[in-house]
Structures are given as C-alpha cells and as structure tokens.
C-alpha cells in the first residue's frame, strides 16, 4: 500500500471513529460530544487533499459542524440528526468498506463474556487477586446489566457506584452473596457498616482497567471516551472515609506477651479456644509462634500459616531465609508478594529454624486447618486471635494481627532507618496504588541480595525500643519449638 493510501486509511479510521462517538455523545449532551465533533471536522479538513473519491465527505461534515455550532444544548441532538444525509452516509460506508476500513459499529462481547473468555487469562492474576477482580467486574454487570461493552454509558457506571455506596462491608463473605440481586443486597445492608471511599475507589480503578483492556481489543471508543466514563465520579456525602489499621505500640506489645498464651494458660494444647484462661502451661504451637513470626518478618498471616518445611532456604553466605511463593497450592496476594525474607537473629535464637525439618514434607504448623470463604489456613486462627484479645481485654478496633505487619514496617522505617524501597522488598508491597507504580518499577530493577535484606532486618531491635522479651527467651531456653512446658520451669530460667 502506498504512503498516500496508508494516510487515507488512517484518516478514514479517525473520521469514522469520531463520527460514531460524536453522534452518540451528542445524543447524551456531553462535553465529550463537542470535543469529538471538532476533532472530526479537523480531521476532515486534513482529508481534503484526498478530495476526488471523498468529495461528499467534506460537505457532510460541514453540515454537521454547522448544526453543532448553531444548535443549543437542548436541541443539539436533533440538529445533528437532521444534518445527516442518508445517501451521503451510505456512500461513505461503501467507500470505507471498499478500502477495507473497519466500521465503528464493532460488535463487542458482554462484560462477563470478555471477563471469562479473555481478561482473566490475559491478566494471569494470582488466585486471591483474580477472585477480587472477578468480584468487582461481575458486581458491575449485576448492578448495571450484563450488556455489550460498547453499550455502556456514564450513567451506568454512576448507577453501579451508587450500589457500591449502599453495600455492607461484609459483602462477599456470606454464602450466596455472589448470586443475590443487588436490590436484595442493598436491603440486607441497611443499618450495617457500608463500603468506604478507598474500597469504592478501588472498585472503580479495577473496572476502568477492565474497560481499557477491552477497548484495546475491540476499539469501539477512543481512550478519552473510556476515560470520560470514569472521570471524577462524585461519591455521596454519606460514604465513610477509610480508617487505616493501627500499629501496636511497645507498651501494647508488652501487654500481649504478658497474656496467657506466652505467660501461662490452663487450656489443653488442643483446646485453643480457652488460651485466654490463666494457668501453668505454655504451648509453643502456631498460636504461640504466629504473632512472633509476624513481628520479626512483616509477613502476612496466610504467608506464615501456609509455610512448609521446604520453604526454609540458605544463601551462599549461610543466611537463612523464608521462601514466600505460590507453588504447590500456596497463595500470595500479588506477584510482588513472591520474595525471600531473611530470618531475624532473634527468631533464630528462639529456635524458629528448628520448626523446619530438612527433607520434611507438609506444613510446619499442621494444627492449622483450612476455614472460611474462600478457605485459607489462617482464617480460623484470625477469628481465634480476635476472640482471644477480647477475652484478655486487649481488643481495639483496627488493631489486629495484620497490624503486626504494619508495626514491622513502621518500626523499620522510623526506628531502624531502613529506606522505603528496601522495606517494600522485604514485605512484598505491590503497585496497586497508581502513585507507587514508578517506585515499584525501580524496585523491580533492583536486585536485593539476601545479605543486604538481612542487614536491613537486623537493624530491628524491639528490646532496644523498650519491649521486654524475657518471657520469650526464657521459654525457648527450656522448651523445644513445638513442645509445651510449665511456667515454673520458665520462671526458673528467666
């Protein structure tokens, strides 16, 4: 194809796209319509160098331009429609067809069809992330109707956002939520806590990414049109702001370590629901280890709960590290969650490494059982940890197990002076927030050695910050990492 023919085809594609978008937008009375119309006319002027076969096109576009300029906001759609010459439009379509240019009336799949047939496979998301994305998109299809992608208007997006504003925070955690009509969900949400701004904005971000991806495949609209679907959608005044989790202070950590799980309980080893009762026994099982491991690794609950014997590695310098990955049925939150985390010297002093048997198979804490929706190794423990803190008088909203991870990050940054990129590499923070993507890209190009990460983690010194660790070291001195002991034996060695 000659350069002139290529230019003609490119310009024709621009015109046809702008023409379809302009008429559609004008009918809605949006500012996007005016922009598309003017863009179309400017393109037509450039096309006059190819006048000959396209003699009717400038005349047609001139009529549309006159109608757009002359019409008031309320009469614009009628005026534009009146300027259309069916014969001229027919000639234009035939000309475009003869040149092999695709029509803008591109058939598009429905939201759920594109999600199931293309999007999930194309994104190759981790299981947990895919579950969330599928939930975001299918909820949109239920709220706005499962229509062809090209049929959605801004009012459909706003309608869906209004549904999100009325949804309870527990949506998706109750059986049957994914099959209930949105009206029923909204009725059930009355009087309950509803989604906050951050959560709703996350839904919008993911849906926008879905539409951008679909438009790359089917090209039914311009990038600006897709942007306009989601641009500056105002949330209602009643939507609550997000409340971030709180860190544990040194004093609160001290209270936690002084509670019965670490200081002595009367419960049997297999009766985890009574660990809050004071007594003479200390059981070094998952309930003893998980908060300690989180506080010195910054790992997520499920990352720790699913650890297997083979997940302990050693680098060339003899530094032990935990492999956090998604192989063999394990789960991670995102791709960036896959990482190696050096084991802190204090954990090693508690015989943490002895939990991993060389050549062993299976999880290091077999007492943890899968629970919840979707099932996870840490779900039931999380419930028990909440109940335990309530029973011990340690419960406070927004300060939970995950807050131990926040404490680890905060302490590394503010007390140990570790830079943010290195902390992100240790804890596996992702780039879900747009402002973090460039920073994360820099981290992706940085190869952190185990020794470098170990040096950073090694700066963490809770004892120097005032946390009494005596009960932990004394217990480890008289009791194996999986065993039970009596508090009097611990006291003798403290």
Protein backbone atom coordinates (compact mmCIF):
# COMPACT_ATOMS: atom_id res chain seq x y z
CA UNK A 1 0.00 0.00 0.00
CA UNK A 2 1.39 3.44 -0.92
CA UNK A 3 2.07 6.13 1.66
CA UNK A 4 -0.89 8.15 0.37
CA UNK A 5 -3.23 5.17 0.65
CA UNK A 6 -1.98 4.43 4.16
CA UNK A 7 -2.61 8.05 5.16
CA UNK A 8 -6.10 7.89 3.66
CA UNK A 9 -6.92 4.72 5.56
CA UNK A 10 -5.61 6.17 8.84
CA UNK A 11 -7.63 9.36 8.42
CA UNK A 12 -10.74 7.45 7.45
CA UNK A 13 -10.42 5.40 10.61
CA UNK A 14 -10.16 8.60 12.62
CA UNK A 15 -13.22 10.11 10.95
CA UNK A 16 -15.38 7.06 11.35
CA UNK A 17 -14.41 6.67 14.99
CA UNK A 18 -15.03 10.35 15.68
CA UNK A 19 -18.32 10.33 13.74
CA UNK A 20 -19.73 7.42 15.71
CA UNK A 21 -18.52 8.80 19.02
CA UNK A 22 -19.76 12.32 18.27
CA UNK A 23 -23.29 11.32 17.34
CA UNK A 24 -23.56 9.07 20.36
CA UNK A 25 -22.14 11.67 22.73
CA UNK A 26 -24.24 14.49 21.24
CA UNK A 27 -27.34 12.46 21.92
CA UNK A 28 -26.27 12.37 25.57
CA UNK A 29 -25.49 16.11 25.60
CA UNK A 30 -21.99 15.56 27.00
CA UNK A 31 -18.94 17.75 26.61
CA UNK A 32 -17.24 14.72 25.07
CA UNK A 33 -19.56 15.13 22.08
CA UNK A 34 -18.32 18.64 21.30
CA UNK A 35 -14.71 17.56 21.55
CA UNK A 36 -15.26 14.58 19.27
CA UNK A 37 -17.19 16.69 16.75
CA UNK A 38 -14.46 19.30 16.47
CA UNK A 39 -11.82 16.60 16.21
CA UNK A 40 -13.80 15.00 13.40
CA UNK A 41 -14.07 18.27 11.45
CA UNK A 42 -10.35 18.97 11.83
CA UNK A 43 -9.61 15.52 10.51
CA UNK A 44 -11.94 16.10 7.56
CA UNK A 45 -10.09 19.29 6.65
CA UNK A 46 -6.84 17.35 6.50
CA UNK A 47 -8.56 14.81 4.27
CA UNK A 48 -9.42 17.35 1.58
CA UNK A 49 -6.06 16.57 -0.03
CA UNK A 50 -7.74 13.29 -0.97
CA UNK A 51 -10.93 15.01 -2.28
CA UNK A 52 -11.78 13.12 -5.54
CA UNK A 53 -13.24 9.90 -4.25
CA UNK A 54 -14.21 11.63 -0.98
CA UNK A 55 -15.97 14.65 -2.48
CA UNK A 56 -19.15 14.07 -0.50
CA UNK A 57 -17.43 13.74 2.86
CA UNK A 58 -16.36 17.39 3.49
CA UNK A 59 -19.86 18.54 2.59
CA UNK A 60 -21.41 16.09 5.01
CA UNK A 61 -19.03 17.05 7.81
CA UNK A 62 -19.61 20.74 7.07
CA UNK A 63 -23.33 20.26 7.64
CA UNK A 64 -22.64 18.51 10.92
CA UNK A 65 -20.29 21.27 12.03
CA UNK A 66 -22.88 23.96 11.21
CA UNK A 67 -25.52 22.02 13.14
CA UNK A 68 -23.21 21.61 16.13
CA UNK A 69 -22.32 25.31 16.22
CA UNK A 70 -25.86 26.59 15.66
CA UNK A 71 -27.74 24.26 17.96
CA UNK A 72 -28.34 24.98 21.60
CA UNK A 73 -27.56 22.36 24.23
CA UNK A 74 -31.11 21.03 24.33
CA UNK A 75 -31.61 20.94 20.54
CA UNK A 76 -28.16 19.68 19.60
CA UNK A 77 -29.03 16.03 19.12
CA UNK A 78 -31.99 16.87 16.85
CA UNK A 79 -29.94 19.30 14.78
CA UNK A 80 -27.11 16.82 14.27
CA UNK A 81 -29.52 14.08 13.30
CA UNK A 82 -31.17 16.43 10.79
CA UNK A 83 -27.83 17.15 9.14
CA UNK A 84 -27.29 13.51 8.27
CA UNK A 85 -27.76 12.75 4.61
CA UNK A 86 -28.65 9.05 4.32
CA UNK A 87 -27.32 8.87 0.76
CA UNK A 88 -24.03 10.50 1.72
CA UNK A 89 -23.66 8.27 4.74
CA UNK A 90 -24.35 5.23 2.58
CA UNK A 91 -21.67 6.35 0.09
CA UNK A 92 -19.24 6.87 2.95
CA UNK A 93 -19.88 3.38 4.32
CA UNK A 94 -19.38 1.84 0.89
CA UNK A 95 -16.17 3.76 0.39
CA UNK A 96 -14.86 2.66 3.76
CA UNK A 97 -15.84 -0.92 3.04
CA UNK A 98 -14.07 -0.87 -0.32
CA UNK A 99 -10.91 0.38 1.36
CA UNK A 100 -11.11 -2.35 3.98
CA UNK A 101 -11.58 0.07 6.86
CA UNK A 102 -13.39 -1.43 9.87
CA UNK A 103 -16.74 0.08 10.81
CA UNK A 104 -17.03 1.71 14.22
CA UNK A 105 -20.14 -0.30 14.87
CA UNK A 106 -17.88 -3.06 16.14
CA UNK A 107 -19.76 -5.85 17.87
CA UNK A 108 -18.43 -6.24 21.39
CA UNK A 109 -18.90 -9.06 23.88
CA UNK A 110 -20.76 -8.61 27.12
CA UNK A 111 -18.88 -7.74 30.27
CA UNK A 112 -18.98 -11.26 31.67
CA UNK A 113 -18.08 -12.82 28.30
CA UNK A 114 -14.93 -10.70 27.96
CA UNK A 115 -14.09 -11.31 31.62
CA UNK A 116 -14.35 -15.08 31.30
CA UNK A 117 -13.01 -15.56 27.78
CA UNK A 118 -10.17 -13.05 27.69
CA UNK A 119 -9.47 -10.82 30.66
CA UNK A 120 -8.70 -13.30 33.43
CA UNK A 121 -6.44 -15.37 31.18
CA UNK A 122 -4.71 -12.25 29.84
CA UNK A 123 -4.03 -10.76 33.29
CA UNK A 124 -2.75 -14.05 34.75
CA UNK A 125 -3.63 -12.88 38.22
CA UNK A 126 -2.84 -14.77 41.38
CA UNK A 127 -5.79 -16.67 42.81
CA UNK A 128 -6.69 -14.18 45.53
CA UNK A 129 -6.25 -11.15 43.25
CA UNK A 130 -8.27 -12.81 40.50
CA UNK A 131 -11.10 -13.55 42.92
CA UNK A 132 -11.27 -9.87 43.84
CA UNK A 133 -11.14 -8.61 40.25
CA UNK A 134 -13.78 -11.09 39.10
CA UNK A 135 -15.93 -9.96 42.03
CA UNK A 136 -15.55 -6.28 41.12
CA UNK A 137 -16.47 -6.80 37.46
CA UNK A 138 -19.33 -9.26 37.95
CA UNK A 139 -20.91 -6.98 40.55
CA UNK A 140 -20.85 -4.19 37.96
CA UNK A 141 -22.59 -6.49 35.45
CA UNK A 142 -25.26 -7.30 38.02
CA UNK A 143 -25.81 -3.67 39.01
CA UNK A 144 -25.73 -2.10 35.53
CA UNK A 145 -26.83 -5.10 33.46
CA UNK A 146 -24.61 -7.50 31.54
CA UNK A 147 -24.58 -5.68 28.20
CA UNK A 148 -22.20 -5.48 25.24
CA UNK A 149 -19.21 -3.38 26.28
CA UNK A 150 -19.88 -0.66 23.72
CA UNK A 151 -23.39 -0.09 25.10
CA UNK A 152 -22.37 1.25 28.49
CA UNK A 153 -22.77 4.95 29.25
CA UNK A 154 -21.56 7.06 32.13
CA UNK A 155 -24.93 6.79 33.85
CA UNK A 156 -24.43 3.00 34.02
CA UNK A 157 -21.16 3.50 35.87
CA UNK A 158 -22.78 6.00 38.24
CA UNK A 159 -25.66 3.59 38.90
CA UNK A 160 -23.13 0.90 39.85
CA UNK A 161 -21.24 3.31 42.13
CA UNK A 162 -24.48 4.15 43.94
CA UNK A 163 -24.97 0.43 44.57
CA UNK A 164 -21.44 0.19 45.97
CA UNK A 165 -22.18 3.10 48.32
CA UNK A 166 -25.01 1.13 49.90
CA UNK A 167 -23.26 -2.25 50.23
CA UNK A 168 -22.29 -3.67 53.61
CA UNK A 169 -18.60 -4.19 54.30
CA UNK A 170 -19.22 -7.92 54.73
CA UNK A 171 -20.35 -8.26 51.10
CA UNK A 172 -18.81 -11.36 49.55
CA UNK A 173 -18.25 -13.11 52.87
CA UNK A 174 -21.73 -14.55 53.24
CA UNK A 175 -22.86 -17.60 51.37
CA UNK A 176 -24.87 -16.72 48.27
CA UNK A 177 -23.78 -13.07 48.07
CA UNK A 178 -22.49 -13.53 44.54
CA UNK A 179 -25.90 -14.72 43.35
CA UNK A 180 -28.20 -12.27 45.11
CA UNK A 181 -29.88 -9.43 43.17
CA UNK A 182 -28.44 -6.04 44.02
CA UNK A 183 -31.78 -4.89 45.47
CA UNK A 184 -31.66 -7.74 47.96
CA UNK A 185 -28.05 -6.94 48.85
CA UNK A 186 -28.96 -3.31 49.48
CA UNK A 187 -31.89 -4.31 51.70
CA UNK A 188 -29.61 -6.62 53.70
CA UNK A 189 -27.06 -3.80 54.03
CA UNK A 190 -29.45 -1.39 55.74
CA UNK A 191 -28.23 -0.48 59.20
CA UNK A 192 -24.81 -2.07 58.67
CA UNK A 193 -21.40 -0.55 58.00
CA UNK A 194 -21.01 0.17 54.30
CA UNK A 195 -18.05 0.32 51.94
CA UNK A 196 -15.68 3.23 52.49
CA UNK A 197 -14.24 5.63 49.91
CA UNK A 198 -10.99 3.75 49.48
CA UNK A 199 -12.77 0.48 48.77
CA UNK A 200 -15.18 2.08 46.28
CA UNK A 201 -12.32 3.86 44.53
CA UNK A 202 -10.52 0.52 44.27
CA UNK A 203 -13.60 -0.96 42.57
CA UNK A 204 -13.63 1.96 40.12
CA UNK A 205 -9.91 1.63 39.37
CA UNK A 206 -10.22 -2.07 38.59
CA UNK A 207 -13.31 -1.63 36.42
CA UNK A 208 -11.65 1.16 34.47
CA UNK A 209 -8.63 -1.07 33.85
CA UNK A 210 -11.03 -3.75 32.63
CA UNK A 211 -12.66 -1.38 30.11
CA UNK A 212 -9.30 -0.04 28.94
CA UNK A 213 -8.15 -3.60 28.27
CA UNK A 214 -11.36 -4.48 26.44
CA UNK A 215 -11.13 -1.34 24.29
CA UNK A 216 -7.61 -2.31 23.23
CA UNK A 217 -9.13 -5.48 21.83
CA UNK A 218 -12.28 -4.08 20.18
CA UNK A 219 -11.56 -0.35 19.71
CA UNK A 220 -15.20 0.78 19.95
CA UNK A 221 -14.23 4.12 21.55
CA UNK A 222 -11.31 6.47 21.95
CA UNK A 223 -9.10 6.35 25.03
CA UNK A 224 -10.59 9.71 26.03
CA UNK A 225 -14.11 8.28 25.81
CA UNK A 226 -13.18 5.45 28.18
CA UNK A 227 -11.56 7.97 30.50
CA UNK A 228 -14.77 10.04 30.48
CA UNK A 229 -16.81 7.04 31.62
CA UNK A 230 -14.95 7.02 34.92
CA UNK A 231 -13.67 10.57 35.29
CA UNK A 232 -14.40 12.43 38.54
CA UNK A 233 -17.39 10.40 39.68
CA UNK A 234 -18.61 12.14 42.85
CA UNK A 235 -19.32 9.94 45.84
CA UNK A 236 -22.26 10.66 48.11
CA UNK A 237 -21.66 12.53 51.35
CA UNK A 238 -22.65 9.56 53.49
CA UNK A 239 -19.78 7.39 52.18
CA UNK A 240 -17.35 6.93 55.08
CA UNK A 241 -13.64 7.61 54.79
CA UNK A 242 -11.30 4.66 55.17
CA UNK A 243 -9.79 4.13 58.59
CA UNK A 244 -6.27 2.67 58.41
CA UNK A 245 -5.13 -0.07 60.74
CA UNK A 246 -3.21 0.97 63.82
CA UNK A 247 0.26 -0.18 64.76
CA UNK A 248 0.98 -1.89 68.05
CA UNK A 249 2.90 0.33 70.47
CA UNK A 250 5.74 -1.11 72.55
CA UNK A 251 3.50 -0.97 75.63
CA UNK A 252 0.69 -2.84 73.85
CA UNK A 253 3.10 -5.48 72.60
CA UNK A 254 4.30 -5.89 76.15
CA UNK A 255 0.72 -6.49 77.30
CA UNK A 256 0.23 -9.04 74.53
CA UNK A 257 3.36 -11.00 75.50
CA UNK A 258 2.28 -10.89 79.15
CA UNK A 259 -1.06 -12.53 78.29
CA UNK A 260 -1.71 -16.28 78.90
CA UNK A 261 -0.51 -17.70 75.58
CA UNK A 262 3.03 -16.59 76.45
CA UNK A 263 2.85 -16.27 80.24
CA UNK A 264 0.82 -19.41 81.02
CA UNK A 265 -2.61 -20.87 80.26
CA UNK A 266 -4.78 -23.54 81.85
CA UNK A 267 -6.06 -24.79 78.47
CA UNK A 268 -5.02 -28.07 76.98
CA UNK A 269 -2.84 -27.93 73.88
CA UNK A 270 -5.74 -28.97 71.65
CA UNK A 271 -8.26 -26.57 73.24
CA UNK A 272 -7.22 -23.34 71.54
CA UNK A 273 -10.46 -21.51 72.37
CA UNK A 274 -9.51 -21.37 76.09
CA UNK A 275 -5.99 -20.00 75.72
CA UNK A 276 -7.11 -16.76 77.41
CA UNK A 277 -7.53 -18.58 80.75
CA UNK A 278 -4.50 -18.12 83.01
CA UNK A 279 -2.71 -21.27 84.12
CA UNK A 280 0.59 -23.17 84.33
CA UNK A 281 1.08 -24.31 80.72
CA UNK A 282 2.86 -22.76 77.75
CA UNK A 283 2.28 -24.45 74.39
CA UNK A 284 4.70 -23.49 71.61
CA UNK A 285 2.36 -24.25 68.74
CA UNK A 286 1.11 -21.97 65.93
CA UNK A 287 -0.80 -19.82 68.41
CA UNK A 288 2.45 -19.06 70.26
CA UNK A 289 4.55 -18.57 67.10
CA UNK A 290 2.42 -16.69 64.56
CA UNK A 291 2.38 -13.21 66.19
CA UNK A 292 6.09 -13.52 66.99
CA UNK A 293 6.94 -14.51 63.41
CA UNK A 294 4.83 -11.66 62.01
CA UNK A 295 6.51 -9.12 64.27
CA UNK A 296 10.00 -10.09 63.10
CA UNK A 297 9.31 -10.83 59.41
CA UNK A 298 6.47 -8.46 58.43
CA UNK A 299 4.82 -11.38 56.62
CA UNK A 300 1.07 -11.65 56.12
CA UNK A 301 -0.89 -14.16 58.18
CA UNK A 302 -1.57 -16.54 55.29
CA UNK A 303 2.05 -16.38 54.13
CA UNK A 304 3.10 -17.66 57.55
CA UNK A 305 0.23 -20.10 58.13
CA UNK A 306 0.96 -21.96 54.87
CA UNK A 307 4.72 -22.33 55.41
CA UNK A 308 6.07 -25.78 54.64
CA UNK A 309 9.29 -27.49 55.66
CA UNK A 310 10.82 -26.89 52.24
CA UNK A 311 10.22 -23.12 52.48
CA UNK A 312 13.38 -22.54 54.52
CA UNK A 313 16.38 -21.70 52.34
CA UNK A 314 20.01 -20.73 52.86
CA UNK A 315 22.06 -18.37 50.75
CA UNK A 316 25.74 -18.81 49.88
CA UNK A 317 26.79 -16.90 52.98
CA UNK A 318 24.81 -19.21 55.23
CA UNK A 319 21.98 -16.76 55.90
CA UNK A 320 18.61 -18.49 56.38
CA UNK A 321 15.53 -17.08 54.66
CA UNK A 322 11.85 -17.90 54.15
CA UNK A 323 10.60 -18.53 50.63
CA UNK A 324 7.25 -16.79 50.12
CA UNK A 325 5.75 -18.10 46.87
CA UNK A 326 2.65 -19.53 45.21
CA UNK A 327 3.79 -23.01 44.24
CA UNK A 328 2.28 -26.27 45.44
CA UNK A 329 -1.08 -24.80 46.35
CA UNK A 330 0.28 -21.88 48.33
CA UNK A 331 -1.26 -18.43 47.84
CA UNK A 332 0.18 -14.94 47.66
CA UNK A 333 -1.60 -11.64 47.33
CA UNK A 334 0.20 -10.35 44.22
CA UNK A 335 3.23 -11.10 42.07
CA UNK A 336 5.28 -8.73 44.21
CA UNK A 337 4.44 -10.84 47.25
CA UNK A 338 6.77 -13.56 45.96
CA UNK A 339 10.04 -12.94 47.77
CA UNK A 340 12.71 -14.25 50.12
CA UNK A 341 12.65 -12.94 53.70
CA UNK A 342 15.78 -13.32 55.85
CA UNK A 343 15.16 -14.82 59.28
CA UNK A 344 15.94 -12.31 62.04
CA UNK A 345 18.61 -13.31 64.58
CA UNK A 346 16.08 -13.07 67.41
CA UNK A 347 13.79 -15.59 65.73
CA UNK A 348 16.78 -17.86 65.28
CA UNK A 349 17.54 -17.53 69.00
CA UNK A 350 14.02 -18.83 69.73
CA UNK A 351 14.77 -21.98 67.66
CA UNK A 352 12.44 -20.88 64.87
CA UNK A 353 14.61 -22.66 62.30
CA UNK A 354 14.05 -25.98 64.08
CA UNK A 355 10.41 -25.85 63.01
CA UNK A 356 11.63 -26.77 59.53
CA UNK A 357 12.76 -30.38 59.16
CA UNK A 358 15.38 -30.91 56.42
CA UNK A 359 13.73 -33.03 53.75
CA UNK A 360 10.39 -32.77 55.56
CA UNK A 361 7.06 -32.57 53.76
CA UNK A 362 3.90 -30.67 54.61
CA UNK A 363 3.22 -27.56 56.68
CA UNK A 364 5.22 -26.64 59.76
CA UNK A 365 2.00 -25.96 61.69
CA UNK A 366 -0.30 -28.89 60.82
CA UNK A 367 -2.66 -27.90 63.66
CA UNK A 368 -3.98 -25.06 61.48
CA UNK A 369 -6.96 -26.17 59.39
CA UNK A 370 -8.48 -24.52 56.33
CA UNK A 371 -11.51 -22.41 57.07
CA UNK A 372 -13.54 -19.52 55.70
CA UNK A 373 -14.72 -18.33 52.30
CA UNK A 374 -12.52 -18.79 50.36
CA UNK A 375 -10.78 -21.36 52.56
CA UNK A 376 -7.40 -20.36 53.97
CA UNK A 377 -5.01 -21.73 56.55
CA UNK A 378 -5.05 -18.56 58.63
CA UNK A 379 -8.78 -17.74 58.67
CA UNK A 380 -9.80 -19.69 61.77
CA UNK A 381 -6.70 -18.55 63.64
CA UNK A 382 -7.59 -14.93 62.81
CA UNK A 383 -11.03 -15.43 64.37
CA UNK A 384 -9.48 -17.05 67.45
CA UNK A 385 -6.90 -14.25 67.77
CA UNK A 386 -9.70 -11.68 67.76
CA UNK A 387 -11.67 -13.65 70.38
CA UNK A 388 -8.51 -14.07 72.45
CA UNK A 389 -7.77 -10.34 72.50
CA UNK A 390 -11.36 -9.60 73.52
CA UNK A 391 -11.21 -12.12 76.35
CA UNK A 392 -7.87 -10.70 77.57
CA UNK A 393 -9.04 -7.09 77.40
CA UNK A 394 -6.59 -6.33 74.58
CA UNK A 395 -9.08 -5.79 71.79
CA UNK A 396 -9.17 -2.48 69.98
CA UNK A 397 -10.79 -1.82 66.59
CA UNK A 398 -8.29 -1.55 63.71
CA UNK A 399 -5.50 -3.12 65.77
CA UNK A 400 -5.33 -6.78 64.79
CA UNK A 401 -2.95 -9.43 63.52
CA UNK A 402 -2.26 -7.55 60.29
CA UNK A 403 -1.31 -4.57 62.44
CA UNK A 404 1.79 -6.54 63.44
CA UNK A 405 2.90 -6.26 59.83
CA UNK A 406 2.22 -2.52 59.97
CA UNK A 407 4.25 -2.33 63.18
CA UNK A 408 7.16 -4.12 61.49
CA UNK A 409 7.09 -1.71 58.54
CA UNK A 410 6.71 1.38 60.71
CA UNK A 411 9.50 0.33 63.05
CA UNK A 412 11.90 -0.46 60.23
CA UNK A 413 11.23 2.92 58.66
CA UNK A 414 11.08 5.19 61.71
CA UNK A 415 13.28 3.45 64.28
CA UNK A 416 15.75 1.40 62.24
CA UNK A 417 16.08 3.93 59.42
CA UNK A 418 15.59 1.46 56.55
CA UNK A 419 14.62 3.08 53.24
CA UNK A 420 11.12 2.55 51.83
CA UNK A 421 12.22 0.56 48.77
CA UNK A 422 14.11 -1.98 50.87
CA UNK A 423 11.15 -2.32 53.25
CA UNK A 424 8.87 -2.89 50.24
CA UNK A 425 11.18 -5.65 49.02
CA UNK A 426 11.12 -7.33 52.44
CA UNK A 427 7.35 -7.22 52.97
CA UNK A 428 6.24 -7.66 49.35
CA UNK A 429 4.26 -4.48 48.86
CA UNK A 430 2.64 -4.25 45.43
CA UNK A 431 1.91 -1.46 42.95
CA UNK A 432 -1.88 -1.44 43.25
CA UNK A 433 -1.81 2.26 44.07
CA UNK A 434 -1.03 4.38 40.96
CA UNK A 435 1.42 6.65 42.79
CA UNK A 436 3.52 3.63 43.76
CA UNK A 437 3.94 2.20 40.28
CA UNK A 438 7.06 4.15 39.29
CA UNK A 439 8.62 3.43 42.65
CA UNK A 440 7.78 -0.25 42.28
CA UNK A 441 9.28 -0.28 38.79
CA UNK A 442 12.51 0.97 40.32
CA UNK A 443 12.34 -1.82 42.87
CA UNK A 444 11.73 -4.36 40.10
CA UNK A 445 15.04 -3.29 38.55
CA UNK A 446 16.86 -3.63 41.88
CA UNK A 447 18.38 -7.00 42.78
CA UNK A 448 18.39 -7.29 46.56
CA UNK A 449 20.76 -9.90 47.94
CA UNK A 450 19.73 -11.93 50.98
CA UNK A 451 22.66 -10.42 52.88
CA UNK A 452 21.50 -6.88 52.08
CA UNK A 453 17.97 -7.63 53.24
CA UNK A 454 19.30 -9.44 56.30
CA UNK A 455 21.37 -6.41 57.21
CA UNK A 456 18.24 -4.23 56.97
CA UNK A 457 16.10 -6.60 59.06
CA UNK A 458 18.94 -6.96 61.52
CA UNK A 459 18.58 -3.31 62.47
CA UNK A 460 15.22 -4.15 64.02
CA UNK A 461 15.71 -4.25 67.79
CA UNK A 462 12.46 -4.25 69.78
CA UNK A 463 14.36 -4.75 73.03
CA UNK A 464 16.26 -1.51 72.45
CA UNK A 465 12.90 0.21 71.95
CA UNK A 466 11.73 -0.96 75.39
CA UNK A 467 9.97 -4.28 74.72
CA UNK A 468 10.64 -6.93 77.38
CA UNK A 469 11.45 -10.16 75.56
CA UNK A 470 12.47 -12.11 78.65
CA UNK A 471 9.45 -14.43 78.68
CA UNK A 472 10.17 -15.48 75.08
CA UNK A 473 13.86 -16.21 75.56
CA UNK A 474 13.25 -17.99 78.87
CA UNK A 475 10.58 -20.22 77.29
CA UNK A 476 12.85 -21.07 74.35
CA UNK A 477 15.64 -21.99 76.77
CA UNK A 478 13.63 -24.77 78.45
CA UNK A 479 11.22 -25.87 75.73
CA UNK A 480 11.58 -27.14 72.17
CA UNK A 481 9.98 -25.13 69.34
CA UNK A 482 6.96 -27.49 69.13
CA UNK A 483 6.74 -28.56 72.76
CA UNK A 484 4.89 -27.50 75.89
CA UNK A 485 6.33 -26.54 79.25
CA UNK A 486 5.27 -25.31 82.66
CA UNK A 487 5.52 -21.71 83.76
CA UNK A 488 7.51 -22.58 86.89
CA UNK A 489 10.27 -24.03 84.72
CA UNK A 490 10.29 -20.87 82.64
CA UNK A 491 10.47 -18.65 85.72
CA UNK A 492 13.45 -20.58 87.00
CA UNK A 493 15.32 -19.69 83.80
CA UNK A 494 14.18 -16.09 83.48
